């Protein structure tokens, strides 16, 4: 069996500690684009980290897929280099993953909050419109209702 060596490059700042460096509702400035690196919990996978400015200085934070989607919509760009210098809000959601209690950090827009299930939602956003309900045509439209077999 061949093995590959996992290399973890040294970052220029430590990782943000939840409830110490970042708290729920904190506004942080994005200082860098995303950096893809081996996941420290599963070396077979990668994770994306981004540098943010916290109350305790520059820190890295993992960028989960929900945060990426929200920030793309908020900043109107899927190029994270255009996010540098912009402000994001931190939402901390306590949850259980694989039987282990963890706190998931989301980076979102300023108006976002957590719903009752711990999922990020934008209460100011207009919900997607539902499809129009079809209207049954009547005799004026050229259909005789007595001719309809049901």
C-alpha atoms as a PDB file:
ATOM      1  CA  UNK A   1       0.000   0.000   0.000  1.00  0.00           C
ATOM      2  CA  UNK A   2       1.244   3.458  -0.876  1.00  0.00           C
ATOM      3  CA  UNK A   3       0.726   6.251   1.596  1.00  0.00           C
ATOM      4  CA  UNK A   4       0.701   9.974   1.010  1.00  0.00           C
ATOM      5  CA  UNK A   5       2.131  12.424   3.423  1.00  0.00           C
ATOM      6  CA  UNK A   6      -0.340  14.987   4.739  1.00  0.00           C
ATOM      7  CA  UNK A   7       1.229  18.390   4.833  1.00  0.00           C
ATOM      8  CA  UNK A   8      -0.315  21.101   6.937  1.00  0.00           C
ATOM      9  CA  UNK A   9       1.184  24.443   6.031  1.00  0.00           C
ATOM     10  CA  UNK A  10       1.626  26.961   8.794  1.00  0.00           C
ATOM     11  CA  UNK A  11      -0.927  29.774   8.653  1.00  0.00           C
ATOM     12  CA  UNK A  12       0.071  33.328   9.532  1.00  0.00           C
ATOM     13  CA  UNK A  13      -2.622  33.560  12.243  1.00  0.00           C
ATOM     14  CA  UNK A  14      -4.275  31.119  14.653  1.00  0.00           C
ATOM     15  CA  UNK A  15      -7.762  29.672  14.211  1.00  0.00           C
ATOM     16  CA  UNK A  16     -10.601  31.633  15.819  1.00  0.00           C
ATOM     17  CA  UNK A  17     -11.855  30.149  19.074  1.00  0.00           C
ATOM     18  CA  UNK A  18     -15.637  30.251  19.288  1.00  0.00           C
ATOM     19  CA  UNK A  19     -16.980  32.240  22.245  1.00  0.00           C
ATOM     20  CA  UNK A  20     -13.487  33.666  22.829  1.00  0.00           C
ATOM     21  CA  UNK A  21     -12.338  35.289  19.571  1.00  0.00           C
ATOM     22  CA  UNK A  22     -15.806  35.318  17.976  1.00  0.00           C
ATOM     23  CA  UNK A  23     -19.222  35.425  19.620  1.00  0.00           C
ATOM     24  CA  UNK A  24     -22.711  35.101  18.208  1.00  0.00           C
ATOM     25  CA  UNK A  25     -23.623  38.336  16.420  1.00  0.00           C
ATOM     26  CA  UNK A  26     -20.067  39.706  16.103  1.00  0.00           C
ATOM     27  CA  UNK A  27     -19.297  41.703  12.968  1.00  0.00           C
ATOM     28  CA  UNK A  28     -15.942  40.798  11.446  1.00  0.00           C
ATOM     29  CA  UNK A  29     -13.963  42.083   8.481  1.00  0.00           C
ATOM     30  CA  UNK A  30     -12.864  39.594   5.831  1.00  0.00           C
ATOM     31  CA  UNK A  31      -9.084  39.874   5.407  1.00  0.00           C
ATOM     32  CA  UNK A  32      -8.330  37.209   2.775  1.00  0.00           C
ATOM     33  CA  UNK A  33      -9.772  34.971   0.145  1.00  0.00           C
ATOM     34  CA  UNK A  34     -10.361  31.331   0.913  1.00  0.00           C
ATOM     35  CA  UNK A  35      -7.432  28.956   1.350  1.00  0.00           C
ATOM     36  CA  UNK A  36      -8.009  25.272   0.633  1.00  0.00           C
ATOM     37  CA  UNK A  37      -6.071  22.914   2.872  1.00  0.00           C
ATOM     38  CA  UNK A  38      -6.327  19.333   4.202  1.00  0.00           C
ATOM     39  CA  UNK A  39      -9.105  18.940   6.763  1.00  0.00           C
ATOM     40  CA  UNK A  40      -7.522  18.512  10.170  1.00  0.00           C
ATOM     41  CA  UNK A  41     -10.270  16.041  11.216  1.00  0.00           C
ATOM     42  CA  UNK A  42     -10.345  13.975   7.990  1.00  0.00           C
ATOM     43  CA  UNK A  43      -7.127  14.140   5.916  1.00  0.00           C
ATOM     44  CA  UNK A  44      -8.919  12.562   2.932  1.00  0.00           C
ATOM     45  CA  UNK A  45     -11.011  15.748   2.619  1.00  0.00           C
ATOM     46  CA  UNK A  46     -10.142  19.400   2.254  1.00  0.00           C
ATOM     47  CA  UNK A  47     -11.471  22.435   4.051  1.00  0.00           C
ATOM     48  CA  UNK A  48     -11.598  26.085   3.089  1.00  0.00           C
ATOM     49  CA  UNK A  49     -10.472  28.637   5.657  1.00  0.00           C
ATOM     50  CA  UNK A  50     -10.678  32.405   5.463  1.00  0.00           C
ATOM     51  CA  UNK A  51      -8.908  35.067   7.514  1.00  0.00           C
ATOM     52  CA  UNK A  52     -11.099  37.486   9.457  1.00  0.00           C
ATOM     53  CA  UNK A  53     -10.438  40.423  11.778  1.00  0.00           C
ATOM     54  CA  UNK A  54     -11.825  39.667  15.245  1.00  0.00           C
ATOM     55  CA  UNK A  55     -11.763  41.647  18.476  1.00  0.00           C
ATOM     56  CA  UNK A  56      -8.575  39.692  19.318  1.00  0.00           C
ATOM     57  CA  UNK A  57      -6.859  40.305  15.977  1.00  0.00           C
ATOM     58  CA  UNK A  58      -6.588  38.317  12.751  1.00  0.00           C
ATOM     59  CA  UNK A  59      -7.869  34.742  12.951  1.00  0.00           C
ATOM     60  CA  UNK A  60      -8.743  31.957  10.509  1.00  0.00           C
ATOM     61  CA  UNK A  61     -12.167  30.363  10.463  1.00  0.00           C
ATOM     62  CA  UNK A  62     -13.514  27.406   8.514  1.00  0.00           C
ATOM     63  CA  UNK A  63     -15.850  28.387   5.707  1.00  0.00           C
ATOM     64  CA  UNK A  64     -18.660  25.838   5.473  1.00  0.00           C
ATOM     65  CA  UNK A  65     -20.808  25.422   2.321  1.00  0.00           C
ATOM     66  CA  UNK A  66     -23.808  27.299   3.797  1.00  0.00           C
ATOM     67  CA  UNK A  67     -21.606  30.283   4.604  1.00  0.00           C
ATOM     68  CA  UNK A  68     -20.162  30.234   1.083  1.00  0.00           C
ATOM     69  CA  UNK A  69     -23.641  30.243  -0.500  1.00  0.00           C
ATOM     70  CA  UNK A  70     -24.863  33.038   1.777  1.00  0.00           C
ATOM     71  CA  UNK A  71     -21.777  35.212   1.171  1.00  0.00           C
ATOM     72  CA  UNK A  72     -22.047  34.717  -2.603  1.00  0.00           C
ATOM     73  CA  UNK A  73     -25.614  36.042  -2.440  1.00  0.00           C
ATOM     74  CA  UNK A  74     -24.758  38.835   0.002  1.00  0.00           C
ATOM     75  CA  UNK A  75     -21.700  40.132  -1.850  1.00  0.00           C
ATOM     76  CA  UNK A  76     -23.070  39.344  -5.352  1.00  0.00           C
ATOM     77  CA  UNK A  77     -19.862  37.525  -6.324  1.00  0.00           C
ATOM     78  CA  UNK A  78     -18.587  33.972  -6.214  1.00  0.00           C
ATOM     79  CA  UNK A  79     -14.988  35.277  -6.305  1.00  0.00           C
ATOM     80  CA  UNK A  80     -13.949  35.413  -2.647  1.00  0.00           C
ATOM     81  CA  UNK A  81     -11.123  37.841  -3.455  1.00  0.00           C
ATOM     82  CA  UNK A  82     -13.852  40.488  -3.935  1.00  0.00           C
ATOM     83  CA  UNK A  83     -15.073  39.846  -0.375  1.00  0.00           C
ATOM     84  CA  UNK A  84     -11.840  41.212   1.135  1.00  0.00           C
ATOM     85  CA  UNK A  85     -12.551  44.313   3.212  1.00  0.00           C
ATOM     86  CA  UNK A  86     -16.276  43.546   3.530  1.00  0.00           C
ATOM     87  CA  UNK A  87     -18.077  42.949   6.803  1.00  0.00           C
ATOM     88  CA  UNK A  88     -19.751  39.666   7.714  1.00  0.00           C
ATOM     89  CA  UNK A  89     -21.737  38.652  10.769  1.00  0.00           C
ATOM     90  CA  UNK A  90     -20.818  35.568  12.834  1.00  0.00           C
ATOM     91  CA  UNK A  91     -23.628  33.251  13.903  1.00  0.00           C
ATOM     92  CA  UNK A  92     -22.794  30.461  16.359  1.00  0.00           C
ATOM     93  CA  UNK A  93     -25.085  27.440  16.358  1.00  0.00           C
ATOM     94  CA  UNK A  94     -24.627  24.797  19.066  1.00  0.00           C
ATOM     95  CA  UNK A  95     -25.473  21.366  17.643  1.00  0.00           C
ATOM     96  CA  UNK A  96     -24.594  17.685  17.802  1.00  0.00           C
ATOM     97  CA  UNK A  97     -22.625  16.090  14.967  1.00  0.00           C
ATOM     98  CA  UNK A  98     -21.817  12.397  15.123  1.00  0.00           C
ATOM     99  CA  UNK A  99     -22.786  12.240  18.781  1.00  0.00           C
ATOM    100  CA  UNK A 100     -20.379  15.064  19.656  1.00  0.00           C
ATOM    101  CA  UNK A 101     -21.490  18.503  20.844  1.00  0.00           C
ATOM    102  CA  UNK A 102     -20.004  21.234  18.666  1.00  0.00           C
ATOM    103  CA  UNK A 103     -20.566  24.870  17.827  1.00  0.00           C
ATOM    104  CA  UNK A 104     -20.921  25.576  14.111  1.00  0.00           C
ATOM    105  CA  UNK A 105     -19.866  29.067  13.015  1.00  0.00           C
ATOM    106  CA  UNK A 106     -21.560  30.678  10.017  1.00  0.00           C
ATOM    107  CA  UNK A 107     -20.362  33.826   8.244  1.00  0.00           C
ATOM    108  CA  UNK A 108     -23.415  35.648   6.912  1.00  0.00           C
ATOM    109  CA  UNK A 109     -24.755  39.082   5.972  1.00  0.00           C
ATOM    110  CA  UNK A 110     -25.580  41.665   8.645  1.00  0.00           C
ATOM    111  CA  UNK A 111     -29.348  41.026   8.652  1.00  0.00           C
ATOM    112  CA  UNK A 112     -29.127  37.252   9.071  1.00  0.00           C
ATOM    113  CA  UNK A 113     -30.032  35.351  12.248  1.00  0.00           C
ATOM    114  CA  UNK A 114     -30.555  31.770  13.381  1.00  0.00           C
ATOM    115  CA  UNK A 115     -34.031  30.237  13.224  1.00  0.00           C
ATOM    116  CA  UNK A 116     -35.495  27.988  15.936  1.00  0.00           C
ATOM    117  CA  UNK A 117     -33.614  25.005  14.454  1.00  0.00           C
ATOM    118  CA  UNK A 118     -30.194  26.719  14.449  1.00  0.00           C
ATOM    119  CA  UNK A 119     -30.159  27.349  10.689  1.00  0.00           C
ATOM    120  CA  UNK A 120     -29.172  30.758   9.275  1.00  0.00           C
ATOM    121  CA  UNK A 121     -32.098  32.701   7.773  1.00  0.00           C
ATOM    122  CA  UNK A 122     -32.505  36.206   6.395  1.00  0.00           C
ATOM    123  CA  UNK A 123     -35.765  37.507   7.881  1.00  0.00           C
ATOM    124  CA  UNK A 124     -35.732  40.549   5.585  1.00  0.00           C
ATOM    125  CA  UNK A 125     -35.514  38.513   2.390  1.00  0.00           C
ATOM    126  CA  UNK A 126     -38.631  38.076   0.358  1.00  0.00           C
ATOM    127  CA  UNK A 127     -39.576  34.396   0.030  1.00  0.00           C
ATOM    128  CA  UNK A 128     -39.493  32.835  -3.405  1.00  0.00           C
ATOM    129  CA  UNK A 129     -42.775  33.179  -5.251  1.00  0.00           C
ATOM    130  CA  UNK A 130     -44.818  30.048  -5.621  1.00  0.00           C
ATOM    131  CA  UNK A 131     -45.997  28.937  -9.028  1.00  0.00           C
ATOM    132  CA  UNK A 132     -49.274  30.380 -10.187  1.00  0.00           C
ATOM    133  CA  UNK A 133     -52.258  28.149  -9.592  1.00  0.00           C
ATOM    134  CA  UNK A 134     -53.950  27.267 -12.893  1.00  0.00           C
ATOM    135  CA  UNK A 135     -57.380  28.756 -13.408  1.00  0.00           C
ATOM    136  CA  UNK A 136     -60.156  26.522 -14.678  1.00  0.00           C
ATOM    137  CA  UNK A 137     -61.669  27.980 -17.793  1.00  0.00           C
ATOM    138  CA  UNK A 138     -65.424  28.375 -17.987  1.00  0.00           C
ATOM    139  CA  UNK A 139     -68.008  28.624 -20.764  1.00  0.00           C
ATOM    140  CA  UNK A 140     -66.969  32.202 -21.531  1.00  0.00           C
ATOM    141  CA  UNK A 141     -63.530  30.845 -22.389  1.00  0.00           C
ATOM    142  CA  UNK A 142     -64.974  28.324 -24.874  1.00  0.00           C
ATOM    143  CA  UNK A 143     -65.246  25.274 -22.590  1.00  0.00           C
ATOM    144  CA  UNK A 144     -68.613  23.818 -21.694  1.00  0.00           C
ATOM    145  CA  UNK A 145     -68.349  22.392 -18.158  1.00  0.00           C
ATOM    146  CA  UNK A 146     -70.937  19.704 -19.037  1.00  0.00           C
ATOM    147  CA  UNK A 147     -68.510  18.304 -21.638  1.00  0.00           C
ATOM    148  CA  UNK A 148     -65.807  17.677 -18.991  1.00  0.00           C
ATOM    149  CA  UNK A 149     -65.904  13.939 -18.080  1.00  0.00           C
ATOM    150  CA  UNK A 150     -65.158  14.343 -14.357  1.00  0.00           C
END
